[in-house]
Amino acid sequence: MNLRRLGRPTGQRKALFRNLVTELIKHEKITTTETKAKEIRSLAEKMITLGKRGDLSARREVAKVIVDKAVVKKLFDEVAPRYADRNGGYTRVVKIGPRRGDAAPMALIELV
């Protein structure tokens, strides 16, 4: 259940979150607005938890959210094994100050 709607219809919001999570796993660190970072944190953590499971069912669940096959492969082969002994808390959100154009609060979200 998303509490923040970000001024977008449901389909656009889901697409935005999917794209942000894909980019986070691909680059392991992205800069976005504070609100978006806080929202995608839970989705990214769920994807990594599924990656730790590693079975076919988990891979299919991840593929529903992350459509880029190379990123899914990276999640299962590189990212998830890194957190094998960790129970949650895979991401960190660091506030980095206002954006120059519109003074929106920005944040850096990264994999720990």
PDB file of N, CA and C in Angstrom:
ATOM      1  N   MET A   1       0.844  -1.181   0.000  1.00  0.00           N
ATOM      2  CA  MET A   1       0.000   0.000   0.000  1.00  0.00           C
ATOM      3  C   MET A   1       0.888   1.244   0.000  1.00  0.00           C
ATOM      4  N   ASN A   2       0.792   2.016  -1.054  1.00  0.00           N
ATOM      5  CA  ASN A   2       1.593   3.235  -1.149  1.00  0.00           C
ATOM      6  C   ASN A   2       0.849   4.389  -0.493  1.00  0.00           C
ATOM      7  N   LEU A   3       1.511   5.041   0.423  1.00  0.00           N
ATOM      8  CA  LEU A   3       0.894   6.176   1.088  1.00  0.00           C
ATOM      9  C   LEU A   3       1.079   7.447   0.277  1.00  0.00           C
ATOM     10  N   ARG A   4       2.175   7.517  -0.480  1.00  0.00           N
ATOM     11  CA  ARG A   4       2.475   8.717  -1.247  1.00  0.00           C
ATOM     12  C   ARG A   4       2.086   8.495  -2.700  1.00  0.00           C
ATOM     13  N   ARG A   5       1.262   9.384  -3.239  1.00  0.00           N
ATOM     14  CA  ARG A   5       0.813   9.209  -4.610  1.00  0.00           C
ATOM     15  C   ARG A   5       1.640  10.009  -5.606  1.00  0.00           C
ATOM     16  N   LEU A   6       2.416  10.975  -5.125  1.00  0.00           N
ATOM     17  CA  LEU A   6       3.331  11.744  -5.949  1.00  0.00           C
ATOM     18  C   LEU A   6       2.661  12.448  -7.123  1.00  0.00           C
ATOM     19  N   GLY A   7       1.375  12.746  -7.017  1.00  0.00           N
ATOM     20  CA  GLY A   7       0.676  13.494  -8.055  1.00  0.00           C
ATOM     21  C   GLY A   7       0.568  12.766  -9.377  1.00  0.00           C
ATOM     22  N   ARG A   8       0.554  11.426  -9.348  1.00  0.00           N
ATOM     23  CA  ARG A   8       0.510  10.648 -10.578  1.00  0.00           C
ATOM     24  C   ARG A   8      -0.600   9.617 -10.506  1.00  0.00           C
ATOM     25  N   PRO A   9      -1.153   9.252 -11.670  1.00  0.00           N
ATOM     26  CA  PRO A   9      -2.094   8.122 -11.700  1.00  0.00           C
ATOM     27  C   PRO A   9      -1.368   6.814 -11.338  1.00  0.00           C
ATOM     28  N   THR A  10      -2.121   5.817 -10.960  1.00  0.00           N
ATOM     29  CA  THR A  10      -1.560   4.571 -10.464  1.00  0.00           C
ATOM     30  C   THR A  10      -0.563   3.941 -11.424  1.00  0.00           C
ATOM     31  N   GLY A  11      -0.903   3.843 -12.693  1.00  0.00           N
ATOM     32  CA  GLY A  11      -0.029   3.203 -13.667  1.00  0.00           C
ATOM     33  C   GLY A  11       1.296   3.928 -13.816  1.00  0.00           C
ATOM     34  N   GLN A  12       1.239   5.234 -13.876  1.00  0.00           N
ATOM     35  CA  GLN A  12       2.476   6.018 -13.999  1.00  0.00           C
ATOM     36  C   GLN A  12       3.340   5.886 -12.757  1.00  0.00           C
ATOM     37  N   ARG A  13       2.687   5.877 -11.590  1.00  0.00           N
ATOM     38  CA  ARG A  13       3.429   5.763 -10.333  1.00  0.00           C
ATOM     39  C   ARG A  13       4.131   4.408 -10.246  1.00  0.00           C
ATOM     40  N   LYS A  14       3.422   3.333 -10.602  1.00  0.00           N
ATOM     41  CA  LYS A  14       4.026   2.005 -10.572  1.00  0.00           C
ATOM     42  C   LYS A  14       5.185   1.917 -11.553  1.00  0.00           C
ATOM     43  N   ALA A  15       5.029   2.494 -12.742  1.00  0.00           N
ATOM     44  CA  ALA A  15       6.106   2.486 -13.734  1.00  0.00           C
ATOM     45  C   ALA A  15       7.315   3.263 -13.218  1.00  0.00           C
ATOM     46  N   LEU A  16       7.068   4.390 -12.564  1.00  0.00           N
ATOM     47  CA  LEU A  16       8.152   5.191 -11.988  1.00  0.00           C
ATOM     48  C   LEU A  16       8.923   4.378 -10.949  1.00  0.00           C
ATOM     49  N   PHE A  17       8.217   3.711 -10.048  1.00  0.00           N
ATOM     50  CA  PHE A  17       8.856   2.926  -9.010  1.00  0.00           C
ATOM     51  C   PHE A  17       9.646   1.762  -9.609  1.00  0.00           C
ATOM     52  N   ARG A  18       9.076   1.101 -10.630  1.00  0.00           N
ATOM     53  CA  ARG A  18       9.775  -0.009 -11.280  1.00  0.00           C
ATOM     54  C   ARG A  18      11.073   0.474 -11.909  1.00  0.00           C
ATOM     55  N   ASN A  19      11.010   1.615 -12.597  1.00  0.00           N
ATOM     56  CA  ASN A  19      12.204   2.161 -13.239  1.00  0.00           C
ATOM     57  C   ASN A  19      13.261   2.557 -12.209  1.00  0.00           C
ATOM     58  N   LEU A  20      12.833   3.188 -11.123  1.00  0.00           N
ATOM     59  CA  LEU A  20      13.786   3.603 -10.092  1.00  0.00           C
ATOM     60  C   LEU A  20      14.454   2.400  -9.428  1.00  0.00           C
ATOM     61  N   VAL A  21      13.687   1.352  -9.148  1.00  0.00           N
ATOM     62  CA  VAL A  21      14.263   0.160  -8.527  1.00  0.00           C
ATOM     63  C   VAL A  21      15.230  -0.526  -9.492  1.00  0.00           C
ATOM     64  N   THR A  22      14.867  -0.575 -10.777  1.00  0.00           N
ATOM     65  CA  THR A  22      15.753  -1.161 -11.781  1.00  0.00           C
ATOM     66  C   THR A  22      17.077  -0.407 -11.830  1.00  0.00           C
ATOM     67  N   GLU A  23      17.013   0.922 -11.859  1.00  0.00           N
ATOM     68  CA  GLU A  23      18.228   1.736 -11.910  1.00  0.00           C
ATOM     69  C   GLU A  23      19.043   1.608 -10.620  1.00  0.00           C
ATOM     70  N   LEU A  24      18.357   1.495  -9.483  1.00  0.00           N
ATOM     71  CA  LEU A  24      19.066   1.335  -8.208  1.00  0.00           C
ATOM     72  C   LEU A  24      19.878   0.047  -8.204  1.00  0.00           C
ATOM     73  N   ILE A  25      19.288  -1.039  -8.667  1.00  0.00           N
ATOM     74  CA  ILE A  25      20.004  -2.310  -8.667  1.00  0.00           C
ATOM     75  C   ILE A  25      21.109  -2.304  -9.732  1.00  0.00           C
ATOM     76  N   LYS A  26      20.843  -1.652 -10.858  1.00  0.00           N
ATOM     77  CA  LYS A  26      21.851  -1.599 -11.926  1.00  0.00           C
ATOM     78  C   LYS A  26      23.075  -0.789 -11.500  1.00  0.00           C
ATOM     79  N   HIS A  27      22.849   0.387 -10.917  1.00  0.00           N
ATOM     80  CA  HIS A  27      23.958   1.293 -10.581  1.00  0.00           C
ATOM     81  C   HIS A  27      24.357   1.241  -9.106  1.00  0.00           C
ATOM     82  N   GLU A  28      23.532   0.612  -8.273  1.00  0.00           N
ATOM     83  CA  GLU A  28      23.736   0.460  -6.827  1.00  0.00           C
ATOM     84  C   GLU A  28      23.680   1.771  -6.054  1.00  0.00           C
ATOM     85  N   LYS A  29      23.388   2.870  -6.735  1.00  0.00           N
ATOM     86  CA  LYS A  29      23.257   4.168  -6.063  1.00  0.00           C
ATOM     87  C   LYS A  29      22.601   5.130  -7.054  1.00  0.00           C
ATOM     88  N   ILE A  30      21.546   5.835  -6.609  1.00  0.00           N
ATOM     89  CA  ILE A  30      20.901   6.832  -7.463  1.00  0.00           C
ATOM     90  C   ILE A  30      20.533   8.062  -6.637  1.00  0.00           C
ATOM     91  N   THR A  31      20.437   9.193  -7.309  1.00  0.00           N
ATOM     92  CA  THR A  31      20.005  10.421  -6.669  1.00  0.00           C
ATOM     93  C   THR A  31      18.601  10.736  -7.155  1.00  0.00           C
ATOM     94  N   THR A  32      17.689  10.959  -6.227  1.00  0.00           N
ATOM     95  CA  THR A  32      16.304  11.259  -6.558  1.00  0.00           C
ATOM     96  C   THR A  32      15.729  12.122  -5.445  1.00  0.00           C
ATOM     97  N   THR A  33      14.456  12.452  -5.537  1.00  0.00           N
ATOM     98  CA  THR A  33      13.867  13.253  -4.464  1.00  0.00           C
ATOM     99  C   THR A  33      13.715  12.384  -3.214  1.00  0.00           C
ATOM    100  N   GLU A  34      13.690  13.048  -2.101  1.00  0.00           N
ATOM    101  CA  GLU A  34      13.610  12.351  -0.811  1.00  0.00           C
ATOM    102  C   GLU A  34      12.365  11.466  -0.740  1.00  0.00           C
ATOM    103  N   THR A  35      11.243  11.974  -1.198  1.00  0.00           N
ATOM    104  CA  THR A  35       9.980  11.226  -1.130  1.00  0.00           C
ATOM    105  C   THR A  35      10.043   9.966  -1.985  1.00  0.00           C
ATOM    106  N   LYS A  36      10.566  10.089  -3.203  1.00  0.00           N
ATOM    107  CA  LYS A  36      10.676   8.921  -4.081  1.00  0.00           C
ATOM    108  C   LYS A  36      11.644   7.899  -3.490  1.00  0.00           C
ATOM    109  N   ALA A  37      12.727   8.359  -2.912  1.00  0.00           N
ATOM    110  CA  ALA A  37      13.705   7.445  -2.311  1.00  0.00           C
ATOM    111  C   ALA A  37      13.070   6.653  -1.177  1.00  0.00           C
ATOM    112  N   LYS A  38      12.293   7.315  -0.342  1.00  0.00           N
ATOM    113  CA  LYS A  38      11.647   6.634   0.780  1.00  0.00           C
ATOM    114  C   LYS A  38      10.619   5.620   0.281  1.00  0.00           C
ATOM    115  N   GLU A  39       9.950   5.930  -0.835  1.00  0.00           N
ATOM    116  CA  GLU A  39       8.946   5.020  -1.368  1.00  0.00           C
ATOM    117  C   GLU A  39       9.572   3.785  -2.005  1.00  0.00           C
ATOM    118  N   ILE A  40      10.652   3.967  -2.766  1.00  0.00           N
ATOM    119  CA  ILE A  40      11.212   2.803  -3.463  1.00  0.00           C
ATOM    120  C   ILE A  40      12.043   1.924  -2.541  1.00  0.00           C
ATOM    121  N   ARG A  41      12.372   2.419  -1.358  1.00  0.00           N
ATOM    122  CA  ARG A  41      13.164   1.619  -0.424  1.00  0.00           C
ATOM    123  C   ARG A  41      12.497   0.275  -0.147  1.00  0.00           C
ATOM    124  N   SER A  42      11.209   0.275   0.149  1.00  0.00           N
ATOM    125  CA  SER A  42      10.531  -0.979   0.496  1.00  0.00           C
ATOM    126  C   SER A  42      10.482  -1.937  -0.692  1.00  0.00           C
ATOM    127  N   LEU A  43      10.241  -1.408  -1.892  1.00  0.00           N
ATOM    128  CA  LEU A  43      10.191  -2.262  -3.082  1.00  0.00           C
ATOM    129  C   LEU A  43      11.567  -2.864  -3.373  1.00  0.00           C
ATOM    130  N   ALA A  44      12.618  -2.071  -3.233  1.00  0.00           N
ATOM    131  CA  ALA A  44      13.976  -2.566  -3.473  1.00  0.00           C
ATOM    132  C   ALA A  44      14.339  -3.654  -2.455  1.00  0.00           C
ATOM    133  N   GLU A  45      13.959  -3.452  -1.206  1.00  0.00           N
ATOM    134  CA  GLU A  45      14.262  -4.445  -0.176  1.00  0.00           C
ATOM    135  C   GLU A  45      13.530  -5.763  -0.457  1.00  0.00           C
ATOM    136  N   LYS A  46      12.295  -5.680  -0.955  1.00  0.00           N
ATOM    137  CA  LYS A  46      11.551  -6.893  -1.301  1.00  0.00           C
ATOM    138  C   LYS A  46      12.238  -7.641  -2.441  1.00  0.00           C
ATOM    139  N   MET A  47      12.742  -6.896  -3.425  1.00  0.00           N
ATOM    140  CA  MET A  47      13.418  -7.530  -4.561  1.00  0.00           C
ATOM    141  C   MET A  47      14.688  -8.252  -4.098  1.00  0.00           C
ATOM    142  N   ILE A  48      15.443  -7.637  -3.198  1.00  0.00           N
ATOM    143  CA  ILE A  48      16.672  -8.265  -2.713  1.00  0.00           C
ATOM    144  C   ILE A  48      16.348  -9.499  -1.874  1.00  0.00           C
ATOM    145  N   THR A  49      15.284  -9.421  -1.082  1.00  0.00           N
ATOM    146  CA  THR A  49      14.867 -10.576  -0.286  1.00  0.00           C
ATOM    147  C   THR A  49      14.468 -11.731  -1.195  1.00  0.00           C
ATOM    148  N   LEU A  50      13.748 -11.429  -2.282  1.00  0.00           N
ATOM    149  CA  LEU A  50      13.405 -12.481  -3.245  1.00  0.00           C
ATOM    150  C   LEU A  50      14.669 -13.024  -3.903  1.00  0.00           C
ATOM    151  N   GLY A  51      15.620 -12.148  -4.175  1.00  0.00           N
ATOM    152  CA  GLY A  51      16.887 -12.580  -4.763  1.00  0.00           C
ATOM    153  C   GLY A  51      17.642 -13.530  -3.852  1.00  0.00           C
ATOM    154  N   LYS A  52      17.539 -13.317  -2.553  1.00  0.00           N
ATOM    155  CA  LYS A  52      18.201 -14.206  -1.592  1.00  0.00           C
ATOM    156  C   LYS A  52      17.575 -15.595  -1.614  1.00  0.00           C
ATOM    157  N   ARG A  53      16.273 -15.668  -1.873  1.00  0.00           N
ATOM    158  CA  ARG A  53      15.617 -16.984  -1.964  1.00  0.00           C
ATOM    159  C   ARG A  53      16.186 -17.778  -3.127  1.00  0.00           C
ATOM    160  N   GLY A  54      16.296 -17.116  -4.285  1.00  0.00           N
ATOM    161  CA  GLY A  54      17.019 -17.689  -5.408  1.00  0.00           C
ATOM    162  C   GLY A  54      16.330 -18.770  -6.223  1.00  0.00           C
ATOM    163  N   ASP A  55      15.098 -19.145  -5.894  1.00  0.00           N
ATOM    164  CA  ASP A  55      14.449 -20.194  -6.681  1.00  0.00           C
ATOM    165  C   ASP A  55      13.722 -19.610  -7.900  1.00  0.00           C
ATOM    166  N   LEU A  56      13.153 -20.471  -8.716  1.00  0.00           N
ATOM    167  CA  LEU A  56      12.503 -20.037  -9.948  1.00  0.00           C
ATOM    168  C   LEU A  56      11.300 -19.145  -9.672  1.00  0.00           C
ATOM    169  N   SER A  57      10.549 -19.476  -8.651  1.00  0.00           N
ATOM    170  CA  SER A  57       9.379 -18.672  -8.288  1.00  0.00           C
ATOM    171  C   SER A  57       9.791 -17.246  -7.918  1.00  0.00           C
ATOM    172  N   ALA A  58      10.856 -17.126  -7.147  1.00  0.00           N
ATOM    173  CA  ALA A  58      11.346 -15.809  -6.756  1.00  0.00           C
ATOM    174  C   ALA A  58      11.835 -15.038  -7.977  1.00  0.00           C
ATOM    175  N   ARG A  59      12.506 -15.724  -8.888  1.00  0.00           N
ATOM    176  CA  ARG A  59      13.001 -15.078 -10.108  1.00  0.00           C
ATOM    177  C   ARG A  59      11.837 -14.541 -10.946  1.00  0.00           C
ATOM    178  N   ARG A  60      10.750 -15.287 -10.999  1.00  0.00           N
ATOM    179  CA  ARG A  60       9.575 -14.839 -11.763  1.00  0.00           C
ATOM    180  C   ARG A  60       8.890 -13.648 -11.082  1.00  0.00           C
ATOM    181  N   GLU A  61       8.848 -13.666  -9.754  1.00  0.00           N
ATOM    182  CA  GLU A  61       8.272 -12.531  -9.023  1.00  0.00           C
ATOM    183  C   GLU A  61       9.085 -11.265  -9.270  1.00  0.00           C
ATOM    184  N   VAL A  62      10.402 -11.395  -9.262  1.00  0.00           N
ATOM    185  CA  VAL A  62      11.272 -10.247  -9.516  1.00  0.00           C
ATOM    186  C   VAL A  62      11.086  -9.764 -10.953  1.00  0.00           C
ATOM    187  N   ALA A  63      10.944 -10.697 -11.891  1.00  0.00           N
ATOM    188  CA  ALA A  63      10.795 -10.337 -13.303  1.00  0.00           C
ATOM    189  C   ALA A  63       9.495  -9.578 -13.574  1.00  0.00           C
ATOM    190  N   LYS A  64       8.513  -9.694 -12.675  1.00  0.00           N
ATOM    191  CA  LYS A  64       7.283  -8.897 -12.814  1.00  0.00           C
ATOM    192  C   LYS A  64       7.565  -7.422 -12.592  1.00  0.00           C
ATOM    193  N   VAL A  65       8.523  -7.114 -11.738  1.00  0.00           N
ATOM    194  CA  VAL A  65       8.843  -5.733 -11.402  1.00  0.00           C
ATOM    195  C   VAL A  65       9.993  -5.218 -12.249  1.00  0.00           C
ATOM    196  N   ILE A  66      11.063  -5.997 -12.361  1.00  0.00           N
ATOM    197  CA  ILE A  66      12.258  -5.583 -13.098  1.00  0.00           C
ATOM    198  C   ILE A  66      12.249  -6.296 -14.444  1.00  0.00           C
ATOM    199  N   VAL A  67      12.006  -5.560 -15.509  1.00  0.00           N
ATOM    200  CA  VAL A  67      11.855  -6.191 -16.823  1.00  0.00           C
ATOM    201  C   VAL A  67      13.180  -6.378 -17.553  1.00  0.00           C
ATOM    202  N   ASP A  68      14.227  -5.708 -17.134  1.00  0.00           N
ATOM    203  CA  ASP A  68      15.536  -5.835 -17.764  1.00  0.00           C
ATOM    204  C   ASP A  68      16.206  -7.127 -17.284  1.00  0.00           C
ATOM    205  N   LYS A  69      16.404  -8.077 -18.196  1.00  0.00           N
ATOM    206  CA  LYS A  69      16.939  -9.395 -17.822  1.00  0.00           C
ATOM    207  C   LYS A  69      18.346  -9.301 -17.249  1.00  0.00           C
ATOM    208  N   ALA A  70      19.141  -8.368 -17.759  1.00  0.00           N
ATOM    209  CA  ALA A  70      20.508  -8.217 -17.257  1.00  0.00           C
ATOM    210  C   ALA A  70      20.508  -7.768 -15.797  1.00  0.00           C
ATOM    211  N   VAL A  71      19.562  -6.915 -15.433  1.00  0.00           N
ATOM    212  CA  VAL A  71      19.473  -6.433 -14.057  1.00  0.00           C
ATOM    213  C   VAL A  71      18.971  -7.552 -13.139  1.00  0.00           C
ATOM    214  N   VAL A  72      18.029  -8.362 -13.624  1.00  0.00           N
ATOM    215  CA  VAL A  72      17.554  -9.501 -12.830  1.00  0.00           C
ATOM    216  C   VAL A  72      18.718 -10.463 -12.574  1.00  0.00           C
ATOM    217  N   LYS A  73      19.509 -10.717 -13.608  1.00  0.00           N
ATOM    218  CA  LYS A  73      20.669 -11.604 -13.461  1.00  0.00           C
ATOM    219  C   LYS A  73      21.657 -11.028 -12.450  1.00  0.00           C
ATOM    220  N   LYS A  74      21.905  -9.721 -12.522  1.00  0.00           N
ATOM    221  CA  LYS A  74      22.828  -9.088 -11.573  1.00  0.00           C
ATOM    222  C   LYS A  74      22.293  -9.205 -10.144  1.00  0.00           C
ATOM    223  N   LEU A  75      20.977  -9.017  -9.982  1.00  0.00           N
ATOM    224  CA  LEU A  75      20.368  -9.120  -8.655  1.00  0.00           C
ATOM    225  C   LEU A  75      20.595 -10.501  -8.055  1.00  0.00           C
ATOM    226  N   PHE A  76      20.352 -11.549  -8.838  1.00  0.00           N
ATOM    227  CA  PHE A  76      20.456 -12.910  -8.321  1.00  0.00           C
ATOM    228  C   PHE A  76      21.903 -13.383  -8.192  1.00  0.00           C
ATOM    229  N   ASP A  77      22.786 -12.934  -9.100  1.00  0.00           N
ATOM    230  CA  ASP A  77      24.157 -13.446  -9.104  1.00  0.00           C
ATOM    231  C   ASP A  77      25.118 -12.635  -8.239  1.00  0.00           C
ATOM    232  N   GLU A  78      24.927 -11.302  -8.170  1.00  0.00           N
ATOM    233  CA  GLU A  78      25.891 -10.452  -7.467  1.00  0.00           C
ATOM    234  C   GLU A  78      25.323  -9.804  -6.202  1.00  0.00           C
ATOM    235  N   VAL A  79      24.168  -9.167  -6.326  1.00  0.00           N
ATOM    236  CA  VAL A  79      23.652  -8.343  -5.233  1.00  0.00           C
ATOM    237  C   VAL A  79      23.110  -9.186  -4.080  1.00  0.00           C
ATOM    238  N   ALA A  80      22.213 -10.116  -4.357  1.00  0.00           N
ATOM    239  CA  ALA A  80      21.581 -10.899  -3.290  1.00  0.00           C
ATOM    240  C   ALA A  80      22.577 -11.733  -2.480  1.00  0.00           C
ATOM    241  N   PRO A  81      23.553 -12.411  -3.105  1.00  0.00           N
ATOM    242  CA  PRO A  81      24.507 -13.183  -2.288  1.00  0.00           C
ATOM    243  C   PRO A  81      25.315 -12.318  -1.314  1.00  0.00           C
ATOM    244  N   ARG A  82      25.495 -11.055  -1.652  1.00  0.00           N
ATOM    245  CA  ARG A  82      26.216 -10.135  -0.773  1.00  0.00           C
ATOM    246  C   ARG A  82      25.505  -9.970   0.582  1.00  0.00           C
ATOM    247  N   TYR A  83      24.173 -10.116   0.566  1.00  0.00           N
ATOM    248  CA  TYR A  83      23.367  -9.901   1.773  1.00  0.00           C
ATOM    249  C   TYR A  83      22.850 -11.212   2.362  1.00  0.00           C
ATOM    250  N   ALA A  84      23.517 -12.314   2.091  1.00  0.00           N
ATOM    251  CA  ALA A  84      23.043 -13.627   2.532  1.00  0.00           C
ATOM    252  C   ALA A  84      22.899 -13.713   4.048  1.00  0.00           C
ATOM    253  N   ASP A  85      23.800 -13.053   4.793  1.00  0.00           N
ATOM    254  CA  ASP A  85      23.759 -13.155   6.252  1.00  0.00           C
ATOM    255  C   ASP A  85      23.117 -11.939   6.902  1.00  0.00           C
ATOM    256  N   ARG A  86      22.416 -11.134   6.115  1.00  0.00           N
ATOM    257  CA  ARG A  86      21.822  -9.904   6.646  1.00  0.00           C
ATOM    258  C   ARG A  86      20.292 -10.011   6.605  1.00  0.00           C
ATOM    259  N   ASN A  87      19.633  -9.629   7.670  1.00  0.00           N
ATOM    260  CA  ASN A  87      18.171  -9.697   7.745  1.00  0.00           C
ATOM    261  C   ASN A  87      17.557  -8.320   7.513  1.00  0.00           C
ATOM    262  N   GLY A  88      17.466  -7.917   6.272  1.00  0.00           N
ATOM    263  CA  GLY A  88      16.859  -6.625   5.953  1.00  0.00           C
ATOM    264  C   GLY A  88      17.842  -5.485   6.089  1.00  0.00           C
ATOM    265  N   GLY A  89      17.371  -4.281   5.775  1.00  0.00           N
ATOM    266  CA  GLY A  89      18.208  -3.098   5.852  1.00  0.00           C
ATOM    267  C   GLY A  89      19.274  -3.066   4.779  1.00  0.00           C
ATOM    268  N   TYR A  90      18.872  -3.331   3.532  1.00  0.00           N
ATOM    269  CA  TYR A  90      19.828  -3.403   2.436  1.00  0.00           C
ATOM    270  C   TYR A  90      20.093  -2.044   1.799  1.00  0.00           C
ATOM    271  N   THR A  91      19.254  -1.057   2.090  1.00  0.00           N
ATOM    272  CA  THR A  91      19.397   0.252   1.450  1.00  0.00           C
ATOM    273  C   THR A  91      19.622   1.338   2.485  1.00  0.00           C
ATOM    274  N   ARG A  92      20.212   2.433   2.029  1.00  0.00           N
ATOM    275  CA  ARG A  92      20.456   3.594   2.885  1.00  0.00           C
ATOM    276  C   ARG A  92      19.996   4.819   2.120  1.00  0.00           C
ATOM    277  N   VAL A  93      19.242   5.707   2.790  1.00  0.00           N
ATOM    278  CA  VAL A  93      18.804   6.963   2.196  1.00  0.00           C
ATOM    279  C   VAL A  93      19.527   8.095   2.917  1.00  0.00           C
ATOM    280  N   VAL A  94      20.297   8.889   2.157  1.00  0.00           N
ATOM    281  CA  VAL A  94      21.058   9.994   2.717  1.00  0.00           C
ATOM    282  C   VAL A  94      20.539  11.288   2.100  1.00  0.00           C
ATOM    283  N   LYS A  95      20.103  12.217   2.940  1.00  0.00           N
ATOM    284  CA  LYS A  95      19.619  13.500   2.438  1.00  0.00           C
ATOM    285  C   LYS A  95      20.803  14.342   1.971  1.00  0.00           C
ATOM    286  N   ILE A  96      20.676  14.961   0.787  1.00  0.00           N
ATOM    287  CA  ILE A  96      21.804  15.716   0.239  1.00  0.00           C
ATOM    288  C   ILE A  96      21.476  17.176  -0.050  1.00  0.00           C
ATOM    289  N   GLY A  97      20.350  17.679   0.444  1.00  0.00           N
ATOM    290  CA  GLY A  97      20.046  19.096   0.275  1.00  0.00           C
ATOM    291  C   GLY A  97      19.084  19.360  -0.863  1.00  0.00           C
ATOM    292  N   PRO A  98      18.734  20.624  -1.055  1.00  0.00           N
ATOM    293  CA  PRO A  98      17.727  20.976  -2.057  1.00  0.00           C
ATOM    294  C   PRO A  98      18.275  20.956  -3.487  1.00  0.00           C
ATOM    295  N   ARG A  99      17.360  20.683  -4.429  1.00  0.00           N
ATOM    296  CA  ARG A  99      17.709  20.727  -5.851  1.00  0.00           C
ATOM    297  C   ARG A  99      17.797  22.172  -6.291  1.00  0.00           C
ATOM    298  N   ARG A 100      18.710  22.453  -7.190  1.00  0.00           N
ATOM    299  CA  ARG A 100      18.983  23.823  -7.605  1.00  0.00           C
ATOM    300  C   ARG A 100      17.780  24.504  -8.274  1.00  0.00           C
ATOM    301  N   GLY A 101      17.060  23.794  -9.124  1.00  0.00           N
ATOM    302  CA  GLY A 101      15.987  24.413  -9.892  1.00  0.00           C
ATOM    303  C   GLY A 101      14.760  24.785  -9.086  1.00  0.00           C
ATOM    304  N   ASP A 102      14.237  23.830  -8.336  1.00  0.00           N
ATOM    305  CA  ASP A 102      12.970  24.066  -7.634  1.00  0.00           C
ATOM    306  C   ASP A 102      13.062  23.853  -6.129  1.00  0.00           C
ATOM    307  N   ALA A 103      14.259  23.664  -5.609  1.00  0.00           N
ATOM    308  CA  ALA A 103      14.496  23.490  -4.173  1.00  0.00           C
ATOM    309  C   ALA A 103      13.797  22.263  -3.591  1.00  0.00           C
ATOM    310  N   ALA A 104      13.557  21.235  -4.435  1.00  0.00           N
ATOM    311  CA  ALA A 104      12.984  19.991  -3.931  1.00  0.00           C
ATOM    312  C   ALA A 104      14.036  19.270  -3.090  1.00  0.00           C
ATOM    313  N   PRO A 105      13.660  18.707  -1.944  1.00  0.00           N
ATOM    314  CA  PRO A 105      14.646  18.002  -1.115  1.00  0.00           C
ATOM    315  C   PRO A 105      15.135  16.737  -1.833  1.00  0.00           C
ATOM    316  N   MET A 106      16.444  16.622  -1.998  1.00  0.00           N
ATOM    317  CA  MET A 106      17.035  15.497  -2.724  1.00  0.00           C
ATOM    318  C   MET A 106      17.679  14.511  -1.754  1.00  0.00           C
ATOM    319  N   ALA A 107      17.792  13.272  -2.221  1.00  0.00           N
ATOM    320  CA  ALA A 107      18.389  12.222  -1.396  1.00  0.00           C
ATOM    321  C   ALA A 107      19.150  11.257  -2.287  1.00  0.00           C
ATOM    322  N   LEU A 108      20.145  10.634  -1.692  1.00  0.00           N
ATOM    323  CA  LEU A 108      20.926   9.594  -2.358  1.00  0.00           C
ATOM    324  C   LEU A 108      20.471   8.283  -1.749  1.00  0.00           C
ATOM    325  N   ILE A 109      19.994   7.349  -2.589  1.00  0.00           N
ATOM    326  CA  ILE A 109      19.633   6.019  -2.086  1.00  0.00           C
ATOM    327  C   ILE A 109      20.654   5.047  -2.649  1.00  0.00           C
ATOM    328  N   GLU A 110      21.228   4.232  -1.765  1.00  0.00           N
ATOM    329  CA  GLU A 110      22.277   3.321  -2.187  1.00  0.00           C
ATOM    330  C   GLU A 110      22.120   1.977  -1.479  1.00  0.00           C
ATOM    331  N   LEU A 111      22.707   0.959  -2.085  1.00  0.00           N
ATOM    332  CA  LEU A 111      22.742  -0.342  -1.455  1.00  0.00           C
ATOM    333  C   LEU A 111      23.886  -0.321  -0.439  1.00  0.00           C
ATOM    334  N   VAL A 112      23.626  -0.839   0.743  1.00  0.00           N
ATOM    335  CA  VAL A 112      24.612  -0.788   1.836  1.00  0.00           C
ATOM    336  C   VAL A 112      25.765  -1.738   1.532  1.00  0.00           C
TER     337      VAL A 112
END
